[in-house]
Amino acid sequence: MRAFVIGVALAMAGAAAYAGGDIEAGRQKAAPCAACHGADGQGTSPQYPRLAGQHPDYLVHALRAYQSGARQNPVMAPFAAPLSAQDMEDLAAYFAALPNGLVDTRIAR
């Protein structure tokens, strides 16, 4: 269990450093996201993607695509439109730092 906790802490630190964003700032900016993606990033229903534990570069890429129109979604486009590059980095750092909630069934119990 201790190794798991250390691993999660290192992953969170690595995600924040990689994304170039601020986790706490991302937490504050993520309030509107909770309506669909959940306060924990797990999604409020199967139709909304899980953001928790996603790679930060993927999250930034997706937000940029929604903002530019390269990825079209009538729900996400208005949320992405006003975001700055730093906003995207902060949101990505926050969601990447959240535990993804998936269980690895390959691990012997």
N, C-alpha and C. Protein backbone atom coordinates (compact mmCIF):
# COMPACT_ATOMS: atom_id res chain seq x y z
N MET A 1 0.84 -1.19 0.00
CA MET A 1 0.00 0.00 0.00
C MET A 1 0.88 1.25 0.00
N ARG A 2 1.94 1.21 0.77
CA ARG A 2 2.83 2.37 0.85
C ARG A 2 3.45 2.67 -0.52
N ALA A 3 3.84 1.62 -1.23
CA ALA A 3 4.41 1.81 -2.56
C ALA A 3 3.38 2.43 -3.50
N PHE A 4 2.13 2.02 -3.35
CA PHE A 4 1.07 2.57 -4.18
C PHE A 4 0.91 4.06 -3.94
N VAL A 5 0.88 4.46 -2.67
CA VAL A 5 0.72 5.87 -2.31
C VAL A 5 1.90 6.68 -2.85
N ILE A 6 3.09 6.17 -2.73
CA ILE A 6 4.27 6.86 -3.25
C ILE A 6 4.17 6.98 -4.77
N GLY A 7 3.73 5.90 -5.42
CA GLY A 7 3.59 5.92 -6.87
C GLY A 7 2.58 6.95 -7.33
N VAL A 8 1.46 7.03 -6.63
CA VAL A 8 0.44 8.02 -6.98
C VAL A 8 0.99 9.43 -6.79
N ALA A 9 1.70 9.66 -5.70
CA ALA A 9 2.27 10.99 -5.44
C ALA A 9 3.27 11.37 -6.55
N LEU A 10 4.09 10.42 -6.96
CA LEU A 10 5.06 10.70 -8.03
C LEU A 10 4.35 10.95 -9.35
N ALA A 11 3.31 10.18 -9.62
CA ALA A 11 2.56 10.38 -10.86
C ALA A 11 1.91 11.75 -10.88
N MET A 12 1.38 12.17 -9.75
CA MET A 12 0.74 13.49 -9.68
C MET A 12 1.78 14.58 -9.91
N ALA A 13 2.93 14.45 -9.31
CA ALA A 13 3.98 15.45 -9.49
C ALA A 13 4.45 15.47 -10.93
N GLY A 14 4.61 14.29 -11.51
CA GLY A 14 5.05 14.20 -12.90
C GLY A 14 4.03 14.78 -13.86
N ALA A 15 2.76 14.52 -13.62
CA ALA A 15 1.70 15.04 -14.49
C ALA A 15 1.70 16.56 -14.46
N ALA A 16 1.83 17.14 -13.29
CA ALA A 16 1.82 18.60 -13.18
C ALA A 16 3.03 19.20 -13.88
N ALA A 17 4.18 18.59 -13.70
CA ALA A 17 5.40 19.12 -14.32
C ALA A 17 5.32 18.97 -15.84
N TYR A 18 4.82 17.86 -16.30
CA TYR A 18 4.75 17.61 -17.73
C TYR A 18 3.78 18.58 -18.39
N ALA A 19 2.63 18.78 -17.76
CA ALA A 19 1.60 19.61 -18.37
C ALA A 19 1.97 21.08 -18.38
N GLY A 20 2.85 21.51 -17.46
CA GLY A 20 3.17 22.92 -17.38
C GLY A 20 2.05 23.73 -16.75
N GLY A 21 1.10 23.02 -16.15
CA GLY A 21 -0.02 23.69 -15.53
C GLY A 21 0.04 23.61 -14.02
N ASP A 22 -0.83 24.35 -13.40
CA ASP A 22 -0.93 24.40 -11.95
C ASP A 22 -2.17 23.63 -11.52
N ILE A 23 -1.98 22.58 -10.72
CA ILE A 23 -3.08 21.72 -10.31
C ILE A 23 -4.14 22.51 -9.55
N GLU A 24 -3.74 23.34 -8.61
CA GLU A 24 -4.72 24.08 -7.81
C GLU A 24 -5.49 25.07 -8.68
N ALA A 25 -4.81 25.74 -9.58
CA ALA A 25 -5.51 26.65 -10.49
C ALA A 25 -6.48 25.86 -11.37
N GLY A 26 -6.06 24.69 -11.81
CA GLY A 26 -6.92 23.83 -12.61
C GLY A 26 -8.15 23.38 -11.84
N ARG A 27 -7.97 23.07 -10.56
CA ARG A 27 -9.10 22.66 -9.72
C ARG A 27 -10.15 23.78 -9.69
N GLN A 28 -9.70 25.00 -9.55
CA GLN A 28 -10.63 26.13 -9.50
C GLN A 28 -11.30 26.36 -10.84
N LYS A 29 -10.56 26.19 -11.91
CA LYS A 29 -11.10 26.41 -13.26
C LYS A 29 -12.02 25.27 -13.70
N ALA A 30 -11.94 24.13 -13.03
CA ALA A 30 -12.70 22.94 -13.45
C ALA A 30 -14.13 22.92 -12.94
N ALA A 31 -14.54 23.91 -12.18
CA ALA A 31 -15.90 23.91 -11.63
C ALA A 31 -16.98 23.68 -12.70
N PRO A 32 -16.92 24.37 -13.85
CA PRO A 32 -17.95 24.13 -14.87
C PRO A 32 -17.90 22.70 -15.45
N CYS A 33 -16.75 22.09 -15.42
CA CYS A 33 -16.57 20.75 -15.99
C CYS A 33 -17.31 19.68 -15.18
N ALA A 34 -17.49 19.95 -13.88
CA ALA A 34 -18.07 18.95 -12.97
C ALA A 34 -19.49 18.57 -13.35
N ALA A 35 -20.23 19.45 -13.99
CA ALA A 35 -21.61 19.14 -14.34
C ALA A 35 -21.70 17.88 -15.20
N CYS A 36 -20.77 17.70 -16.09
CA CYS A 36 -20.78 16.52 -16.97
C CYS A 36 -19.70 15.50 -16.62
N HIS A 37 -18.52 16.00 -16.29
CA HIS A 37 -17.38 15.11 -16.06
C HIS A 37 -17.21 14.72 -14.61
N GLY A 38 -18.06 15.26 -13.72
CA GLY A 38 -18.01 14.92 -12.31
C GLY A 38 -16.95 15.70 -11.56
N ALA A 39 -17.19 15.92 -10.28
CA ALA A 39 -16.22 16.64 -9.44
C ALA A 39 -14.92 15.87 -9.34
N ASP A 40 -14.98 14.55 -9.51
CA ASP A 40 -13.79 13.71 -9.42
C ASP A 40 -13.23 13.35 -10.79
N GLY A 41 -13.81 13.91 -11.86
CA GLY A 41 -13.33 13.64 -13.21
C GLY A 41 -13.73 12.29 -13.76
N GLN A 42 -14.63 11.58 -13.07
CA GLN A 42 -15.01 10.23 -13.49
C GLN A 42 -16.19 10.22 -14.46
N GLY A 43 -16.82 11.36 -14.68
CA GLY A 43 -17.99 11.43 -15.56
C GLY A 43 -19.26 11.18 -14.77
N THR A 44 -20.31 11.89 -15.10
CA THR A 44 -21.56 11.73 -14.38
C THR A 44 -22.45 10.66 -15.00
N SER A 45 -22.11 10.23 -16.23
CA SER A 45 -22.81 9.13 -16.89
C SER A 45 -21.88 8.60 -17.97
N PRO A 46 -22.17 7.42 -18.51
CA PRO A 46 -21.29 6.84 -19.54
C PRO A 46 -21.13 7.70 -20.80
N GLN A 47 -22.04 8.62 -21.05
CA GLN A 47 -21.92 9.44 -22.25
C GLN A 47 -20.85 10.52 -22.12
N TYR A 48 -20.38 10.80 -20.90
CA TYR A 48 -19.37 11.84 -20.70
C TYR A 48 -18.03 11.19 -20.40
N PRO A 49 -16.99 11.57 -21.12
CA PRO A 49 -15.69 10.94 -20.94
C PRO A 49 -15.10 11.14 -19.54
N ARG A 50 -14.36 10.14 -19.11
CA ARG A 50 -13.59 10.22 -17.87
C ARG A 50 -12.36 11.07 -18.17
N LEU A 51 -12.16 12.11 -17.39
CA LEU A 51 -10.99 12.97 -17.55
C LEU A 51 -9.91 12.65 -16.53
N ALA A 52 -10.30 12.08 -15.41
CA ALA A 52 -9.35 11.77 -14.34
C ALA A 52 -8.29 10.78 -14.84
N GLY A 53 -7.04 11.14 -14.61
CA GLY A 53 -5.93 10.28 -14.96
C GLY A 53 -5.55 10.30 -16.43
N GLN A 54 -6.20 11.12 -17.23
CA GLN A 54 -5.83 11.21 -18.65
C GLN A 54 -4.46 11.88 -18.77
N HIS A 55 -3.80 11.61 -19.86
CA HIS A 55 -2.51 12.25 -20.11
C HIS A 55 -2.73 13.75 -20.34
N PRO A 56 -1.94 14.60 -19.70
CA PRO A 56 -2.15 16.04 -19.85
C PRO A 56 -2.02 16.53 -21.28
N ASP A 57 -1.11 15.95 -22.06
CA ASP A 57 -0.97 16.41 -23.44
C ASP A 57 -2.21 16.08 -24.26
N TYR A 58 -2.84 14.96 -23.97
CA TYR A 58 -4.08 14.61 -24.66
C TYR A 58 -5.19 15.61 -24.31
N LEU A 59 -5.30 15.95 -23.04
CA LEU A 59 -6.34 16.89 -22.61
C LEU A 59 -6.16 18.26 -23.26
N VAL A 60 -4.93 18.75 -23.30
CA VAL A 60 -4.66 20.04 -23.95
C VAL A 60 -4.97 19.95 -25.44
N HIS A 61 -4.55 18.87 -26.07
CA HIS A 61 -4.82 18.68 -27.50
C HIS A 61 -6.32 18.70 -27.78
N ALA A 62 -7.09 17.98 -26.95
CA ALA A 62 -8.54 17.93 -27.15
C ALA A 62 -9.17 19.31 -26.97
N LEU A 63 -8.76 20.04 -25.93
CA LEU A 63 -9.31 21.38 -25.72
C LEU A 63 -8.98 22.31 -26.88
N ARG A 64 -7.75 22.24 -27.38
CA ARG A 64 -7.38 23.08 -28.53
C ARG A 64 -8.22 22.73 -29.75
N ALA A 65 -8.46 21.44 -29.95
CA ALA A 65 -9.26 21.00 -31.10
C ALA A 65 -10.70 21.47 -30.97
N TYR A 66 -11.27 21.42 -29.77
CA TYR A 66 -12.62 21.96 -29.57
C TYR A 66 -12.64 23.46 -29.84
N GLN A 67 -11.61 24.14 -29.38
CA GLN A 67 -11.54 25.59 -29.53
C GLN A 67 -11.41 26.00 -31.00
N SER A 68 -10.60 25.26 -31.75
CA SER A 68 -10.37 25.61 -33.15
C SER A 68 -11.48 25.13 -34.08
N GLY A 69 -12.29 24.20 -33.60
CA GLY A 69 -13.32 23.61 -34.44
C GLY A 69 -12.87 22.35 -35.15
N ALA A 70 -11.60 21.98 -34.98
CA ALA A 70 -11.10 20.74 -35.59
C ALA A 70 -11.82 19.52 -35.01
N ARG A 71 -12.23 19.64 -33.78
CA ARG A 71 -13.03 18.60 -33.12
C ARG A 71 -14.36 19.27 -32.79
N GLN A 72 -15.41 18.81 -33.41
CA GLN A 72 -16.70 19.49 -33.25
C GLN A 72 -17.58 18.79 -32.24
N ASN A 73 -18.04 19.58 -31.28
CA ASN A 73 -18.97 19.11 -30.27
C ASN A 73 -19.72 20.33 -29.79
N PRO A 74 -21.04 20.35 -29.95
CA PRO A 74 -21.80 21.55 -29.59
C PRO A 74 -21.82 21.84 -28.09
N VAL A 75 -21.51 20.88 -27.28
CA VAL A 75 -21.45 21.10 -25.83
C VAL A 75 -20.08 21.64 -25.44
N MET A 76 -19.03 21.04 -25.94
CA MET A 76 -17.67 21.42 -25.53
C MET A 76 -17.18 22.72 -26.16
N ALA A 77 -17.59 23.02 -27.37
CA ALA A 77 -17.07 24.21 -28.06
C ALA A 77 -17.24 25.49 -27.25
N PRO A 78 -18.41 25.77 -26.67
CA PRO A 78 -18.53 27.02 -25.91
C PRO A 78 -17.70 27.03 -24.63
N PHE A 79 -17.43 25.86 -24.06
CA PHE A 79 -16.59 25.82 -22.87
C PHE A 79 -15.13 26.05 -23.23
N ALA A 80 -14.69 25.52 -24.36
CA ALA A 80 -13.30 25.65 -24.77
C ALA A 80 -12.99 27.03 -25.36
N ALA A 81 -13.97 27.66 -25.97
CA ALA A 81 -13.75 28.92 -26.69
C ALA A 81 -13.00 29.98 -25.89
N PRO A 82 -13.36 30.26 -24.64
CA PRO A 82 -12.68 31.35 -23.93
C PRO A 82 -11.38 30.95 -23.23
N LEU A 83 -11.00 29.68 -23.30
CA LEU A 83 -9.83 29.23 -22.54
C LEU A 83 -8.52 29.74 -23.15
N SER A 84 -7.63 30.21 -22.29
CA SER A 84 -6.28 30.58 -22.72
C SER A 84 -5.42 29.31 -22.73
N ALA A 85 -4.25 29.42 -23.29
CA ALA A 85 -3.33 28.29 -23.29
C ALA A 85 -3.00 27.88 -21.85
N GLN A 86 -2.84 28.85 -20.94
CA GLN A 86 -2.55 28.53 -19.54
C GLN A 86 -3.74 27.85 -18.88
N ASP A 87 -4.95 28.30 -19.19
CA ASP A 87 -6.14 27.64 -18.66
C ASP A 87 -6.14 26.16 -19.04
N MET A 88 -5.84 25.89 -20.29
CA MET A 88 -5.82 24.50 -20.77
C MET A 88 -4.76 23.69 -20.04
N GLU A 89 -3.60 24.27 -19.86
CA GLU A 89 -2.52 23.58 -19.15
C GLU A 89 -2.91 23.31 -17.70
N ASP A 90 -3.55 24.28 -17.06
CA ASP A 90 -3.98 24.12 -15.66
C ASP A 90 -5.04 23.03 -15.54
N LEU A 91 -6.02 23.05 -16.43
CA LEU A 91 -7.07 22.03 -16.40
C LEU A 91 -6.47 20.65 -16.66
N ALA A 92 -5.55 20.57 -17.60
CA ALA A 92 -4.91 19.28 -17.91
C ALA A 92 -4.12 18.77 -16.72
N ALA A 93 -3.40 19.64 -16.05
CA ALA A 93 -2.62 19.23 -14.87
C ALA A 93 -3.55 18.71 -13.78
N TYR A 94 -4.66 19.40 -13.56
CA TYR A 94 -5.60 18.99 -12.52
C TYR A 94 -6.21 17.62 -12.83
N PHE A 95 -6.77 17.48 -14.02
CA PHE A 95 -7.43 16.21 -14.34
C PHE A 95 -6.42 15.06 -14.44
N ALA A 96 -5.22 15.32 -14.92
CA ALA A 96 -4.20 14.27 -14.99
C ALA A 96 -3.79 13.80 -13.60
N ALA A 97 -3.86 14.69 -12.63
CA ALA A 97 -3.44 14.36 -11.27
C ALA A 97 -4.49 13.56 -10.50
N LEU A 98 -5.72 13.54 -10.99
CA LEU A 98 -6.78 12.80 -10.30
C LEU A 98 -6.63 11.30 -10.53
N PRO A 99 -6.92 10.48 -9.53
CA PRO A 99 -6.87 9.04 -9.74
C PRO A 99 -7.92 8.62 -10.76
N ASN A 100 -7.56 7.71 -11.66
CA ASN A 100 -8.49 7.37 -12.74
C ASN A 100 -9.59 6.41 -12.33
N GLY A 101 -9.48 5.79 -11.18
CA GLY A 101 -10.55 4.93 -10.69
C GLY A 101 -10.63 3.57 -11.35
N LEU A 102 -9.72 3.30 -12.25
CA LEU A 102 -9.72 2.00 -12.91
C LEU A 102 -8.91 1.01 -12.09
N VAL A 103 -9.34 -0.22 -12.09
CA VAL A 103 -8.64 -1.27 -11.36
C VAL A 103 -7.88 -2.12 -12.37
N ASP A 104 -6.61 -2.32 -12.13
CA ASP A 104 -5.80 -3.17 -12.99
C ASP A 104 -5.99 -4.61 -12.53
N THR A 105 -6.71 -5.38 -13.31
CA THR A 105 -7.03 -6.76 -12.93
C THR A 105 -5.84 -7.69 -13.10
N ARG A 106 -4.76 -7.20 -13.67
CA ARG A 106 -3.56 -8.04 -13.83
C ARG A 106 -2.78 -8.18 -12.54
N ILE A 107 -3.05 -7.31 -11.60
CA ILE A 107 -2.32 -7.34 -10.33
C ILE A 107 -2.92 -8.40 -9.44
N ALA A 108 -2.08 -9.32 -8.99
CA ALA A 108 -2.56 -10.38 -8.08
C ALA A 108 -2.96 -9.78 -6.76
N ARG A 109 -4.04 -10.25 -6.24
CA ARG A 109 -4.53 -9.76 -4.95
C ARG A 109 -4.25 -10.75 -3.86
